[in-house]
C-alpha cells in the first residue's frame, strides 16, 4: 500500500506528518511512502532526506492524493478550518485519512468526509491504554505545548526564573502556577522546575496530586470537591457553574501571588471553563504573565484573545494557538512516531486490516462507507445509533 504525505496548508503550520526517520520501518512493513515536494522543509526535513530513507518525492499535491491509498496529515480537513476544504475533492472513495480531525468540532465537516466515502481516523480519539500509548499523538503534542508555554512565559516575564546568588545580592526565584495538570500541565511543571522556578499546580482530579508532587511541584488543595472529576479516559469532566464560581474564589489568592500562570484546563468537545477572571488578573503584579493553553476553545482566562497577546492591568496574556508548530522539528518527529505506530497496527503484510473487535480502530474510526461511524461522536452530536454492522468497524 502507498502512504501519502501532503504538505500542511494551515497558515503558519510548520510540522509534517511523517519525518524521514520513520520511513525505513514503514518500507520494511511493505508500505511505500510518497511525499509532496517541500512537505518537510519548514520542519527541517529536506526532500533529499526522504529520498535517502526510501521515500519517493512527488512534485504536486494532487499527485500525492492520486497515488496514495492512505493519506496522513497533521491538520486534516476539520481541524484545518482555513484551507482544509480544498483537499475534499482530492479524496476518493475508500481512501484512508489519518490525522487531527477535530471530531467534536463541526458535524458538517465530518459529514463532508462521509459523503466522500473516506475511511477517516481521528488521532484525538486514541484510547489512553497501554496498548495504544505509542500511538497517542494528542499526548505527544500536549507535551510540546506544555514545554513551549513555559519558554514563552520566561521570555515575556521581566524577571529571572531561577534563584541566583550574585555579587549584587540574591535573586529570588519566579513563582509559577499551573492550572490543569494533564499532559501539557505536567510538562509545564517539569519545565518550570528545570528553569529554577518555584512551581505549584492545581487540578480538580485528586489523582493529579501525586503526579504534581513527583515532579517537584506543590499541589494546591482547595476545600471543594468535584463530582465525577474524571471520565473513563482520564480526562477531567465539566462541572456546573457553581463549582467553577467557588473554584475561582479560592484560586484568586494563589493567582495573585504568582509571577506566571499557565492554564491548561480543557474539556474535550466543550468550551474551556473560565478559571481566571479579569478581577484576578487585576490583582496580579505588573509584569506578570498568563499563558492560556485553552485559548482555542475560548480560554481559561476571561481576558484571553485567541491567536493574540494582550496586556491588561500590566499583565501579559498570551493566547497563541498551535504551539506545537513552533517546535516543528521535534513535534514532527514525535507525531511521525505515533502515526507510524498506528499505520503498522492497521497494515499487516502490505494489506489494510480493519478488525471490528479492535478497540483502537473502533475508538478512532470516524467515517466509513458514507457514514459517521464513531459511537462517541454520534452521541455527542445527538445522532441516532447506527444499526447492524455499521455500529462498529466493518471488516
Protein backbone atom coordinates (compact mmCIF):
# COMPACT_ATOMS: atom_id res chain seq x y z
CA UNK A 1 0.00 0.00 0.00
CA UNK A 2 1.07 3.57 -0.65
CA UNK A 3 1.09 6.17 2.14
CA UNK A 4 0.94 9.79 1.03
CA UNK A 5 2.29 12.78 2.94
CA UNK A 6 0.99 16.11 1.59
CA UNK A 7 2.41 19.45 2.67
CA UNK A 8 0.47 21.10 5.52
CA UNK A 9 -1.53 24.12 4.34
CA UNK A 10 -2.92 25.62 7.56
CA UNK A 11 -1.44 29.15 7.82
CA UNK A 12 1.71 29.04 9.94
CA UNK A 13 1.73 25.24 10.26
CA UNK A 14 5.33 24.03 10.02
CA UNK A 15 5.01 20.39 11.02
CA UNK A 16 4.95 17.41 8.67
CA UNK A 17 3.03 14.18 9.26
CA UNK A 18 5.94 11.79 8.68
CA UNK A 19 9.59 12.58 9.40
CA UNK A 20 12.24 10.75 7.32
CA UNK A 21 13.33 8.67 10.32
CA UNK A 22 10.15 6.55 10.33
CA UNK A 23 10.19 5.77 6.60
CA UNK A 24 12.50 2.69 6.75
CA UNK A 25 10.22 0.90 9.23
CA UNK A 26 7.20 1.55 7.04
CA UNK A 27 9.03 0.33 3.93
CA UNK A 28 10.13 -2.77 5.82
CA UNK A 29 6.47 -3.47 6.63
CA UNK A 30 5.57 -3.42 2.93
CA UNK A 31 4.40 0.18 2.63
CA UNK A 32 5.56 2.67 0.03
CA UNK A 33 5.82 6.33 1.12
CA UNK A 34 5.27 9.24 -1.25
CA UNK A 35 5.86 12.81 -0.08
CA UNK A 36 4.83 16.12 -1.64
CA UNK A 37 7.89 18.16 -2.55
CA UNK A 38 8.79 20.56 0.24
CA UNK A 39 6.43 18.94 2.77
CA UNK A 40 9.11 18.68 5.45
CA UNK A 41 11.18 21.75 4.60
CA UNK A 42 9.81 24.06 7.31
CA UNK A 43 10.27 21.36 9.94
CA UNK A 44 13.92 20.93 8.99
CA UNK A 45 13.50 17.83 6.80
CA UNK A 46 14.58 18.46 3.17
CA UNK A 47 13.34 16.30 0.30
CA UNK A 48 16.77 14.66 -0.02
CA UNK A 49 16.41 13.13 3.45
CA UNK A 50 13.15 11.45 2.46
CA UNK A 51 14.68 10.09 -0.73
CA UNK A 52 17.71 8.79 1.18
CA UNK A 53 15.43 6.91 3.59
CA UNK A 54 13.42 5.21 0.84
CA UNK A 55 10.51 7.57 0.17
CA UNK A 56 9.51 8.94 -3.21
CA UNK A 57 9.06 12.71 -3.62
CA UNK A 58 6.25 13.84 -5.95
CA UNK A 59 6.10 17.41 -7.31
CA UNK A 60 2.39 18.15 -6.76
CA UNK A 61 -0.28 17.78 -4.08
CA UNK A 62 -2.85 16.23 -6.40
CA UNK A 63 -0.30 13.60 -7.46
CA UNK A 64 0.20 12.55 -3.82
CA UNK A 65 -3.56 12.18 -3.29
CA UNK A 66 -3.94 10.25 -6.55
CA UNK A 67 -1.11 7.86 -5.80
CA UNK A 68 -1.82 7.08 -2.15
CA UNK A 69 -4.33 4.70 -0.63
CA UNK A 70 -3.60 6.17 2.81
CA UNK A 71 -3.17 9.92 3.41
CA UNK A 72 -1.53 11.06 6.65
CA UNK A 73 -1.68 14.70 7.71
CA UNK A 74 -1.20 16.73 10.86
CA UNK A 75 -4.20 19.04 10.41
CA UNK A 76 -6.78 17.42 8.15
CA UNK A 77 -10.00 18.99 6.95
CA UNK A 78 -11.89 19.50 10.19
CA UNK A 79 -9.00 20.72 12.31
CA UNK A 80 -7.85 22.86 9.39
CA UNK A 81 -10.80 25.24 9.06
CA UNK A 82 -8.87 27.73 6.93
CA UNK A 83 -7.65 25.84 3.87
CA UNK A 84 -8.56 22.21 4.55
CA UNK A 85 -11.70 22.15 2.42
CA UNK A 86 -9.56 22.35 -0.72
CA UNK A 87 -8.47 18.75 -0.02
CA UNK A 88 -12.02 17.34 -0.15
CA UNK A 89 -12.18 16.93 -3.97
CA UNK A 90 -8.79 15.20 -3.85
CA UNK A 91 -10.04 12.46 -1.53
CA UNK A 92 -11.53 9.37 -3.16
CA UNK A 93 -13.91 6.59 -2.05
CA UNK A 94 -12.36 4.14 0.45
CA UNK A 95 -9.20 6.23 0.69
CA UNK A 96 -7.91 6.24 4.28
CA UNK A 97 -7.28 9.56 6.02
CA UNK A 98 -5.34 9.77 9.32
CA UNK A 99 -4.68 12.90 11.38
CA UNK A 100 -6.20 15.54 13.65
CA UNK A 101 -9.83 15.87 12.53
CA UNK A 102 -11.43 17.75 15.49
CA UNK A 103 -14.22 15.15 15.83
CA UNK A 104 -16.18 17.23 18.37
CA UNK A 105 -15.91 20.44 16.38
CA UNK A 106 -18.37 20.57 13.47
CA UNK A 107 -20.68 17.78 12.36
CA UNK A 108 -20.83 19.44 8.93
CA UNK A 109 -17.12 18.82 8.23
CA UNK A 110 -17.39 15.22 9.42
CA UNK A 111 -20.36 14.66 7.13
CA UNK A 112 -18.38 16.19 4.25
CA UNK A 113 -15.78 13.45 4.74
CA UNK A 114 -18.51 10.81 5.00
CA UNK A 115 -20.02 11.99 1.72
CA UNK A 116 -16.63 11.47 0.06
CA UNK A 117 -16.84 7.87 1.40
CA UNK A 118 -13.47 8.33 3.08
CA UNK A 119 -12.38 5.97 5.87
CA UNK A 120 -11.06 8.52 8.34
CA UNK A 121 -9.29 8.07 11.67
CA UNK A 122 -9.10 10.91 14.22
CA UNK A 123 -5.92 10.66 16.27
CA UNK A 124 -7.57 12.76 19.03
CA UNK A 125 -9.79 9.76 19.80
CA UNK A 126 -6.93 7.36 20.51
CA UNK A 127 -7.78 5.42 23.71
CA UNK A 128 -5.49 6.09 26.65
CA UNK A 129 -4.46 2.48 27.17
CA UNK A 130 -1.05 0.85 27.49
CA UNK A 131 -1.56 -0.84 24.12
CA UNK A 132 -2.25 2.46 22.37
CA UNK A 133 0.36 4.54 24.19
CA UNK A 134 2.84 4.57 21.30
CA UNK A 135 0.08 5.96 19.03
CA UNK A 136 -1.11 8.76 21.33
CA UNK A 137 -0.41 11.85 19.22
CA UNK A 138 -2.61 14.08 21.37
CA UNK A 139 -0.39 13.47 24.40
CA UNK A 140 2.76 14.00 22.32
CA UNK A 141 1.59 17.39 21.07
CA UNK A 142 0.36 18.37 24.55
CA UNK A 143 3.86 17.63 25.85
CA UNK A 144 5.34 20.05 23.32
CA UNK A 145 2.73 22.70 24.19
CA UNK A 146 3.43 22.44 27.93
CA UNK A 147 7.14 22.93 27.30
CA UNK A 148 6.61 25.86 24.96
CA UNK A 149 4.21 27.59 27.35
CA UNK A 150 6.96 27.89 29.97
CA UNK A 151 9.57 29.07 27.46
CA UNK A 152 7.16 31.75 26.19
CA UNK A 153 6.38 32.84 29.75
CA UNK A 154 10.10 33.01 30.66
CA UNK A 155 10.73 35.15 27.58
CA UNK A 156 7.89 37.57 28.39
CA UNK A 157 8.46 37.78 32.16
CA UNK A 158 10.66 40.73 33.20
CA UNK A 159 12.18 38.56 35.93
CA UNK A 160 14.62 35.65 36.05
CA UNK A 161 13.21 32.18 36.69
CA UNK A 162 15.94 30.68 38.94
CA UNK A 163 17.21 31.81 42.30
CA UNK A 164 20.68 33.33 41.86
CA UNK A 165 23.25 34.34 44.43
CA UNK A 166 25.35 37.10 42.90
CA UNK A 167 27.70 39.91 43.89
CA UNK A 168 24.65 42.15 43.59
CA UNK A 169 22.73 40.07 46.10
CA UNK A 170 20.29 37.17 45.94
CA UNK A 171 17.67 36.99 43.19
CA UNK A 172 14.50 35.24 44.39
CA UNK A 173 13.02 32.60 42.06
CA UNK A 174 9.91 33.19 39.96
CA UNK A 175 6.65 31.67 41.15
CA UNK A 176 4.84 29.62 38.51
CA UNK A 177 1.28 28.35 38.98
CA UNK A 178 -0.14 25.73 36.59
CA UNK A 179 -3.91 25.21 36.44
CA UNK A 180 -4.75 21.84 34.92
CA UNK A 181 -2.29 19.00 35.49
CA UNK A 182 -2.93 16.93 32.39
CA UNK A 183 -0.14 16.04 29.96
CA UNK A 184 0.52 19.68 28.98
CA UNK A 185 0.30 20.90 32.57
CA UNK A 186 2.67 18.25 33.87
CA UNK A 187 5.22 19.09 31.20
CA UNK A 188 4.87 22.77 32.10
CA UNK A 189 5.57 21.92 35.75
CA UNK A 190 8.65 19.87 34.83
CA UNK A 191 10.00 22.60 32.53
CA UNK A 192 9.41 25.40 35.04
CA UNK A 193 11.19 23.37 37.70
CA UNK A 194 14.15 22.77 35.39
CA UNK A 195 14.42 26.52 34.88
CA UNK A 196 14.53 27.01 38.65
CA UNK A 197 11.07 28.42 39.36
CA UNK A 198 9.08 27.66 42.49
CA UNK A 199 6.19 25.73 40.94
CA UNK A 200 2.71 24.87 42.18
CA UNK A 201 -0.30 23.38 40.43
CA UNK A 202 -4.00 22.70 40.81
CA UNK A 203 -6.28 20.14 39.21
CA UNK A 204 -9.80 19.10 40.15
CA UNK A 205 -8.83 15.43 39.77
CA UNK A 206 -7.46 14.10 43.08
CA UNK A 207 -5.20 11.63 41.23
CA UNK A 208 -3.18 14.58 39.87
CA UNK A 209 -1.73 15.38 43.31
CA UNK A 210 0.79 12.55 43.28
CA UNK A 211 1.84 13.34 39.70
CA UNK A 212 2.45 17.00 40.51
CA UNK A 213 4.46 16.15 43.63
CA UNK A 214 6.53 13.57 41.74
CA UNK A 215 7.78 16.43 39.52
CA UNK A 216 8.73 18.56 42.50
CA UNK A 217 5.69 20.82 42.35
CA UNK A 218 3.44 21.82 45.22
CA UNK A 219 -0.16 20.70 44.82
CA UNK A 220 -2.69 23.36 45.73
CA UNK A 221 -5.64 21.76 47.52
CA UNK A 222 -8.97 23.58 47.68
CA UNK A 223 -11.77 22.82 50.17
CA UNK A 224 -14.20 21.87 47.39
CA UNK A 225 -14.81 18.52 45.78
CA UNK A 226 -15.69 17.92 42.15
CA UNK A 227 -18.39 15.41 41.28
CA UNK A 228 -17.20 12.69 38.89
CA UNK A 229 -13.94 14.58 38.44
CA UNK A 230 -12.70 12.44 35.53
CA UNK A 231 -14.15 10.19 32.86
CA UNK A 232 -13.12 6.66 31.97
CA UNK A 233 -10.42 8.00 29.63
CA UNK A 234 -8.77 10.02 32.42
CA UNK A 235 -9.95 13.43 31.19
CA UNK A 236 -11.48 16.00 33.54
CA UNK A 237 -15.28 16.24 33.41
CA UNK A 238 -17.07 19.56 33.06
CA UNK A 239 -18.57 20.84 36.33
CA UNK A 240 -21.52 23.17 36.95
CA UNK A 241 -21.13 26.93 37.20
CA UNK A 242 -21.49 26.97 40.99
CA UNK A 243 -18.40 24.75 41.28
CA UNK A 244 -16.37 26.99 38.97
CA UNK A 245 -17.53 30.11 40.83
CA UNK A 246 -16.33 28.70 44.16
CA UNK A 247 -13.14 27.46 42.50
CA UNK A 248 -12.35 30.95 41.18
CA UNK A 249 -12.87 32.46 44.63
CA UNK A 250 -10.38 30.03 46.18
CA UNK A 251 -7.82 30.29 43.38
CA UNK A 252 -7.76 34.08 43.46
CA UNK A 253 -5.09 34.42 46.15
CA UNK A 254 -2.79 31.83 44.53
CA UNK A 255 -3.07 33.57 41.16
CA UNK A 256 -2.38 36.98 42.74
CA UNK A 257 0.81 35.65 44.35
CA UNK A 258 2.14 34.14 41.10
CA UNK A 259 4.52 35.68 38.58
CA UNK A 260 3.43 33.24 35.87
CA UNK A 261 0.11 31.43 35.46
CA UNK A 262 -0.20 28.68 32.85
CA UNK A 263 -3.74 27.45 32.26
CA UNK A 264 -4.30 24.08 30.64
CA UNK A 265 -7.82 23.07 31.68
CA UNK A 266 -9.54 21.69 28.59
CA UNK A 267 -12.77 19.63 28.49
CA UNK A 268 -12.90 17.58 25.25
CA UNK A 269 -15.65 18.84 22.97
CA UNK A 270 -16.68 21.71 25.25
CA UNK A 271 -15.87 25.37 25.78
CA UNK A 272 -13.00 25.81 28.22
CA UNK A 273 -14.10 26.82 31.73
CA UNK A 274 -13.17 30.36 32.83
CA UNK A 275 -10.86 29.93 35.82
CA UNK A 276 -9.05 33.30 35.85
CA UNK A 277 -11.33 36.34 35.86
CA UNK A 278 -10.47 39.94 34.97
CA UNK A 279 -10.57 40.75 38.72
CA UNK A 280 -7.98 38.05 39.39
CA UNK A 281 -5.78 39.47 36.63
CA UNK A 282 -6.10 42.97 38.14
CA UNK A 283 -4.75 41.61 41.45
CA UNK A 284 -1.59 40.20 39.85
CA UNK A 285 1.67 42.16 39.99
CA UNK A 286 2.51 44.29 36.93
CA UNK A 287 4.79 42.36 34.58
CA UNK A 288 3.17 39.00 35.39
CA UNK A 289 2.42 36.62 32.53
CA UNK A 290 -0.50 34.29 31.77
CA UNK A 291 -0.11 31.68 29.02
CA UNK A 292 -3.53 30.24 28.16
CA UNK A 293 -3.22 26.83 26.52
CA UNK A 294 -7.01 26.63 26.28
CA UNK A 295 -7.23 29.75 24.09
CA UNK A 296 -8.51 27.90 21.02
CA UNK A 297 -11.60 26.75 22.94
CA UNK A 298 -12.45 30.09 24.48
CA UNK A 299 -9.66 30.28 27.06
CA UNK A 300 -9.37 29.67 30.80
CA UNK A 301 -8.69 33.37 31.34
CA UNK A 302 -11.58 35.77 30.83
CA UNK A 303 -9.32 38.26 29.03
CA UNK A 304 -7.67 35.80 26.60
CA UNK A 305 -7.93 36.55 22.90
CA UNK A 306 -7.17 33.53 20.71
CA UNK A 307 -4.12 33.94 18.45
CA UNK A 308 -3.21 37.20 20.16
CA UNK A 309 -1.24 38.71 23.04
CA UNK A 310 -2.99 41.31 25.19
CA UNK A 311 -1.79 43.39 28.12
CA UNK A 312 -4.36 44.18 30.81
CA UNK A 313 -3.58 45.77 34.19
CA UNK A 314 0.10 45.39 33.31
CA UNK A 315 -0.29 41.62 32.90
CA UNK A 316 0.66 39.94 29.59
CA UNK A 317 -1.89 37.34 28.48
CA UNK A 318 -0.70 35.04 25.69
CA UNK A 319 -3.45 33.33 23.71
CA UNK A 320 -1.41 31.79 20.93
CA UNK A 321 -2.71 28.55 19.47
CA UNK A 322 -0.96 25.66 17.70
CA UNK A 323 2.15 25.99 19.89
CA UNK A 324 3.43 22.58 18.79
CA UNK A 325 4.06 24.04 15.35
CA UNK A 326 6.59 26.45 16.86
CA UNK A 327 8.91 23.49 17.56
CA UNK A 328 8.34 21.73 14.23
CA UNK A 329 11.42 19.50 14.09
CA UNK A 330 10.78 17.52 17.26
CA UNK A 331 6.99 17.91 17.16
CA UNK A 332 7.02 16.30 13.69
CA UNK A 333 9.35 13.59 14.92
CA UNK A 334 7.05 12.72 17.81
CA UNK A 335 3.90 12.88 15.70
CA UNK A 336 5.52 10.72 13.00
CA UNK A 337 6.38 8.02 15.54
CA UNK A 338 2.78 7.98 16.78
CA UNK A 339 1.30 7.86 13.28
CA UNK A 340 3.75 5.24 12.01
CA UNK A 341 2.92 3.02 15.02
CA UNK A 342 -0.75 3.39 14.10
CA UNK A 343 -0.02 2.59 10.45
CA UNK A 344 1.88 -0.56 11.42
CA UNK A 345 -1.12 -1.51 13.55
CA UNK A 346 -3.51 -1.03 10.62
CA UNK A 347 -1.44 -2.64 7.87
CA UNK A 348 -0.27 -6.25 8.02
CA UNK A 349 1.74 -7.82 5.18
CA UNK A 350 1.02 -4.83 2.97
CA UNK A 351 -2.77 -5.12 3.41
CA UNK A 352 -5.18 -2.95 5.37
CA UNK A 353 -6.83 -4.86 8.23
CA UNK A 354 -9.89 -3.30 9.87
CA UNK A 355 -10.87 -5.56 12.73
CA UNK A 356 -14.22 -4.54 14.26
CA UNK A 357 -13.20 -6.08 17.60
CA UNK A 358 -10.07 -3.94 17.87
CA UNK A 359 -10.65 -1.16 20.43
CA UNK A 360 -8.02 1.11 18.86
CA UNK A 361 -9.68 1.03 15.44
CA UNK A 362 -13.20 1.19 16.85
CA UNK A 363 -12.43 4.24 19.01
CA UNK A 364 -10.51 6.23 16.36
CA UNK A 365 -12.51 5.49 13.21
CA UNK A 366 -14.67 8.50 12.41
CA UNK A 367 -16.21 7.85 8.98
CA UNK A 368 -16.56 4.85 6.71
CA UNK A 369 -18.77 3.77 3.79
CA UNK A 370 -20.58 7.10 3.71
CA UNK A 371 -21.47 7.13 7.41
CA UNK A 372 -20.26 8.79 10.61
CA UNK A 373 -19.47 5.55 12.44
CA UNK A 374 -17.91 6.64 15.73
CA UNK A 375 -20.31 5.97 18.61
CA UNK A 376 -18.94 8.74 20.87
CA UNK A 377 -19.17 11.32 18.12
CA UNK A 378 -22.70 10.28 17.15
CA UNK A 379 -23.79 10.53 20.78
CA UNK A 380 -22.09 13.94 21.17
CA UNK A 381 -23.97 15.39 18.20
CA UNK A 382 -27.25 13.68 19.10
CA UNK A 383 -27.23 11.32 16.11
CA UNK A 384 -29.15 8.03 16.47
CA UNK A 385 -27.03 4.88 16.93
CA UNK A 386 -26.20 3.04 13.74
CA UNK A 387 -27.91 -0.28 13.18
CA UNK A 388 -26.33 -3.64 12.48
CA UNK A 389 -22.83 -3.98 11.14
CA UNK A 390 -22.27 -0.21 10.75
CA UNK A 391 -22.34 0.16 14.53
CA UNK A 392 -18.67 -0.67 14.81
CA UNK A 393 -15.78 -1.13 12.46
CA UNK A 394 -16.57 -3.12 9.33
CA UNK A 395 -14.24 -5.79 8.18
